């Protein structure tokens, strides 16, 4: 997605060789037009797969997942919460998710009421690095008996290996911008065919 790559080059900031800061347009301040286009692109990529639900993790995946759900015909969007609220009084599915960027471990939860064996779920996230978040969501789908149609990641940091690990588990992974290196503050993208 060229518009996304151009925006990453223009406004993305490398923080070392592992962190790309895109908070000015993707995950703190939101460029609504760009996020809408991202949602439309994911809807195009996963069209015809029978997806009836979108699943992401709070918080930065929500705007992208919302745009995707809207573009796929206003299907329901469910987001895993990083802590079980006191209002979640019924059963829930949980998975442990490690954030390498934040250096934290969360036990994400989704109510049993919102995902089940009748669902074909598309996972959506802003970044794919080590694959921990997507792995946690995949685990929740398995516990719920839901089928997973794949993962749509806005930005993949290929050199961190998450996509490869997820594909080895049989998950379809589609990334809109694949970064091969952030070395010396220079953003390098995988060349597309």
Protein backbone atom coordinates (compact mmCIF):
# COMPACT_ATOMS: atom_id res chain seq x y z
CA UNK A 1 0.00 0.00 0.00
CA UNK A 2 1.99 2.93 -1.33
CA UNK A 3 0.15 5.68 0.57
CA UNK A 4 0.97 3.93 3.83
CA UNK A 5 4.64 3.45 2.93
CA UNK A 6 4.93 7.11 1.92
CA UNK A 7 3.41 8.18 5.23
CA UNK A 8 5.78 5.91 7.18
CA UNK A 9 8.76 7.44 5.38
CA UNK A 10 7.44 10.99 5.88
CA UNK A 11 6.33 10.80 9.52
CA UNK A 12 7.67 7.55 11.02
CA UNK A 13 10.51 7.83 13.53
CA UNK A 14 13.00 5.06 14.23
CA UNK A 15 13.77 4.56 17.91
CA UNK A 16 16.73 2.26 17.69
CA UNK A 17 16.67 -0.74 15.38
CA UNK A 18 13.52 -2.38 16.78
CA UNK A 19 10.92 0.37 17.32
CA UNK A 20 9.13 2.43 14.68
CA UNK A 21 7.11 5.31 16.07
CA UNK A 22 4.03 6.09 13.96
CA UNK A 23 1.92 7.74 16.64
CA UNK A 24 1.40 10.93 14.62
CA UNK A 25 -0.93 9.12 12.19
CA UNK A 26 -1.68 5.53 13.24
CA UNK A 27 -1.78 4.75 16.94
CA UNK A 28 -2.04 7.94 19.00
CA UNK A 29 -3.27 10.59 16.61
CA UNK A 30 -5.30 8.94 13.84
CA UNK A 31 -5.26 9.97 10.18
CA UNK A 32 -8.88 9.00 9.57
CA UNK A 33 -8.65 9.01 5.77
CA UNK A 34 -5.57 6.77 5.81
CA UNK A 35 -7.10 4.38 8.35
CA UNK A 36 -10.30 4.22 6.27
CA UNK A 37 -8.19 3.30 3.21
CA UNK A 38 -6.37 0.65 5.26
CA UNK A 39 -9.71 -0.86 6.32
CA UNK A 40 -10.88 -0.91 2.70
CA UNK A 41 -7.65 -2.63 1.65
CA UNK A 42 -8.06 -5.35 4.28
CA UNK A 43 -11.70 -5.79 3.20
CA UNK A 44 -10.51 -6.25 -0.40
CA UNK A 45 -7.74 -8.70 0.56
CA UNK A 46 -10.02 -10.89 2.70
CA UNK A 47 -13.17 -10.59 0.53
CA UNK A 48 -15.05 -13.81 -0.05
CA UNK A 49 -13.61 -15.56 3.01
CA UNK A 50 -16.89 -15.58 4.95
CA UNK A 51 -15.57 -13.37 7.74
CA UNK A 52 -18.36 -12.41 10.13
CA UNK A 53 -16.34 -10.87 12.97
CA UNK A 54 -13.18 -8.80 13.48
CA UNK A 55 -10.96 -9.35 16.54
CA UNK A 56 -8.17 -7.10 17.81
CA UNK A 57 -6.51 -6.08 21.10
CA UNK A 58 -7.03 -2.73 22.78
CA UNK A 59 -6.08 -0.01 22.15
CA UNK A 60 -4.14 0.82 19.00
CA UNK A 61 -5.70 -1.95 16.89
CA UNK A 62 -9.23 -0.67 17.46
CA UNK A 63 -9.37 2.17 14.87
CA UNK A 64 -7.95 -0.09 12.14
CA UNK A 65 -10.26 -2.96 13.11
CA UNK A 66 -13.22 -0.55 13.13
CA UNK A 67 -12.40 0.69 9.62
CA UNK A 68 -12.04 -2.91 8.43
CA UNK A 69 -15.33 -3.99 10.03
CA UNK A 70 -17.11 -1.02 8.42
CA UNK A 71 -15.58 -1.78 5.01
CA UNK A 72 -16.63 -5.44 5.31
CA UNK A 73 -20.31 -4.48 5.62
CA UNK A 74 -20.45 -3.28 9.23
CA UNK A 75 -19.72 -6.68 10.74
CA UNK A 76 -19.17 -6.83 14.52
CA UNK A 77 -15.83 -5.80 15.97
CA UNK A 78 -14.63 -7.42 19.20
CA UNK A 79 -11.54 -6.29 21.04
CA UNK A 80 -9.66 -8.21 23.67
CA UNK A 81 -9.31 -6.24 26.88
CA UNK A 82 -5.96 -6.18 28.64
CA UNK A 83 -7.59 -6.71 32.01
CA UNK A 84 -10.93 -8.29 32.88
CA UNK A 85 -13.27 -5.51 34.03
CA UNK A 86 -15.51 -6.04 37.05
CA UNK A 87 -18.49 -5.92 34.67
CA UNK A 88 -17.30 -9.09 32.88
CA UNK A 89 -19.28 -11.36 35.20
CA UNK A 90 -19.86 -14.23 32.77
CA UNK A 91 -17.26 -16.56 31.32
CA UNK A 92 -14.41 -15.34 29.18
CA UNK A 93 -11.52 -16.62 27.13
CA UNK A 94 -8.03 -15.43 28.02
CA UNK A 95 -4.50 -15.60 26.68
CA UNK A 96 -1.14 -14.29 27.82
CA UNK A 97 0.39 -11.67 25.52
CA UNK A 98 3.89 -10.24 25.89
CA UNK A 99 4.61 -6.74 24.57
CA UNK A 100 8.26 -6.39 23.62
CA UNK A 101 7.79 -2.65 22.96
CA UNK A 102 6.35 -1.97 26.42
CA UNK A 103 8.16 -4.77 28.25
CA UNK A 104 4.91 -6.01 29.80
CA UNK A 105 2.78 -9.15 29.90
CA UNK A 106 -1.01 -8.86 29.69
CA UNK A 107 -3.70 -11.45 30.17
CA UNK A 108 -6.13 -10.40 27.45
CA UNK A 109 -9.76 -11.42 27.75
CA UNK A 110 -12.81 -11.71 25.50
CA UNK A 111 -16.28 -12.50 26.81
CA UNK A 112 -17.65 -15.89 25.77
CA UNK A 113 -20.78 -14.02 24.63
CA UNK A 114 -18.97 -12.33 21.74
CA UNK A 115 -17.05 -15.10 20.01
CA UNK A 116 -17.95 -18.72 19.43
CA UNK A 117 -17.91 -21.73 17.10
CA UNK A 118 -20.28 -20.03 14.64
CA UNK A 119 -17.73 -17.27 13.96
CA UNK A 120 -15.16 -16.89 11.20
CA UNK A 121 -12.81 -14.27 12.62
CA UNK A 122 -10.34 -11.92 10.98
CA UNK A 123 -7.55 -10.70 13.29
CA UNK A 124 -6.43 -7.09 12.78
CA UNK A 125 -3.51 -5.24 14.38
CA UNK A 126 -1.37 -2.18 13.78
CA UNK A 127 2.02 -3.91 14.13
CA UNK A 128 3.30 -7.42 13.65
CA UNK A 129 6.75 -7.90 15.18
CA UNK A 130 7.31 -11.06 17.25
CA UNK A 131 3.71 -12.25 16.74
CA UNK A 132 2.78 -12.34 20.42
CA UNK A 133 -0.46 -10.33 20.14
CA UNK A 134 -1.70 -12.28 17.12
CA UNK A 135 -0.71 -15.55 18.81
CA UNK A 136 -2.81 -14.60 21.83
CA UNK A 137 -5.80 -13.75 19.65
CA UNK A 138 -5.36 -17.01 17.76
CA UNK A 139 -5.39 -18.86 21.10
CA UNK A 140 -8.64 -17.11 22.07
CA UNK A 141 -10.21 -18.14 18.74
CA UNK A 142 -9.16 -21.75 19.35
CA UNK A 143 -10.60 -21.73 22.89
CA UNK A 144 -13.88 -20.33 21.51
CA UNK A 145 -14.01 -22.89 18.71
CA UNK A 146 -14.03 -20.06 16.16
CA UNK A 147 -12.36 -20.35 12.77
CA UNK A 148 -9.65 -17.80 12.00
CA UNK A 149 -9.59 -16.46 8.42
CA UNK A 150 -6.21 -14.79 8.90
CA UNK A 151 -4.38 -11.76 10.21
CA UNK A 152 -4.26 -8.32 8.66
CA UNK A 153 -1.28 -6.33 9.97
CA UNK A 154 -0.76 -2.72 8.97
CA UNK A 155 3.02 -2.77 9.51
CA UNK A 156 5.11 -5.92 9.71
CA UNK A 157 8.68 -5.84 11.01
CA UNK A 158 9.81 -8.89 9.07
CA UNK A 159 13.22 -9.12 10.74
CA UNK A 160 11.55 -9.88 14.09
CA UNK A 161 10.08 -13.13 12.73
CA UNK A 162 6.46 -12.99 13.91
CA UNK A 163 4.85 -13.47 10.52
CA UNK A 164 7.03 -16.48 9.78
CA UNK A 165 6.11 -18.10 13.13
CA UNK A 166 2.40 -17.47 12.56
CA UNK A 167 2.48 -18.80 9.00
CA UNK A 168 4.21 -21.93 10.32
CA UNK A 169 1.08 -22.47 12.46
CA UNK A 170 -1.04 -22.29 9.29
CA UNK A 171 -2.29 -18.72 9.71
CA UNK A 172 -2.75 -16.56 6.63
CA UNK A 173 -0.85 -13.30 7.26
CA UNK A 174 -1.32 -10.23 5.06
CA UNK A 175 0.74 -7.12 5.86
CA UNK A 176 0.30 -3.78 4.08
CA UNK A 177 3.85 -2.51 4.70
CA UNK A 178 6.67 -4.99 5.34
CA UNK A 179 9.79 -3.48 6.88
CA UNK A 180 13.03 -5.41 6.55
CA UNK A 181 15.27 -3.08 8.55
CA UNK A 182 15.37 0.03 10.74
CA UNK A 183 19.16 0.04 10.86
CA UNK A 184 20.83 3.42 11.38
CA UNK A 185 17.44 5.16 11.41
CA UNK A 186 16.72 4.17 7.81
CA UNK A 187 13.42 2.44 7.05
CA UNK A 188 13.76 -0.29 4.43
CA UNK A 189 10.73 -1.99 2.91
CA UNK A 190 10.50 -5.41 1.35
CA UNK A 191 10.33 -5.07 -2.41
CA UNK A 192 6.97 -6.10 -3.82
CA UNK A 193 6.58 -8.03 -7.04
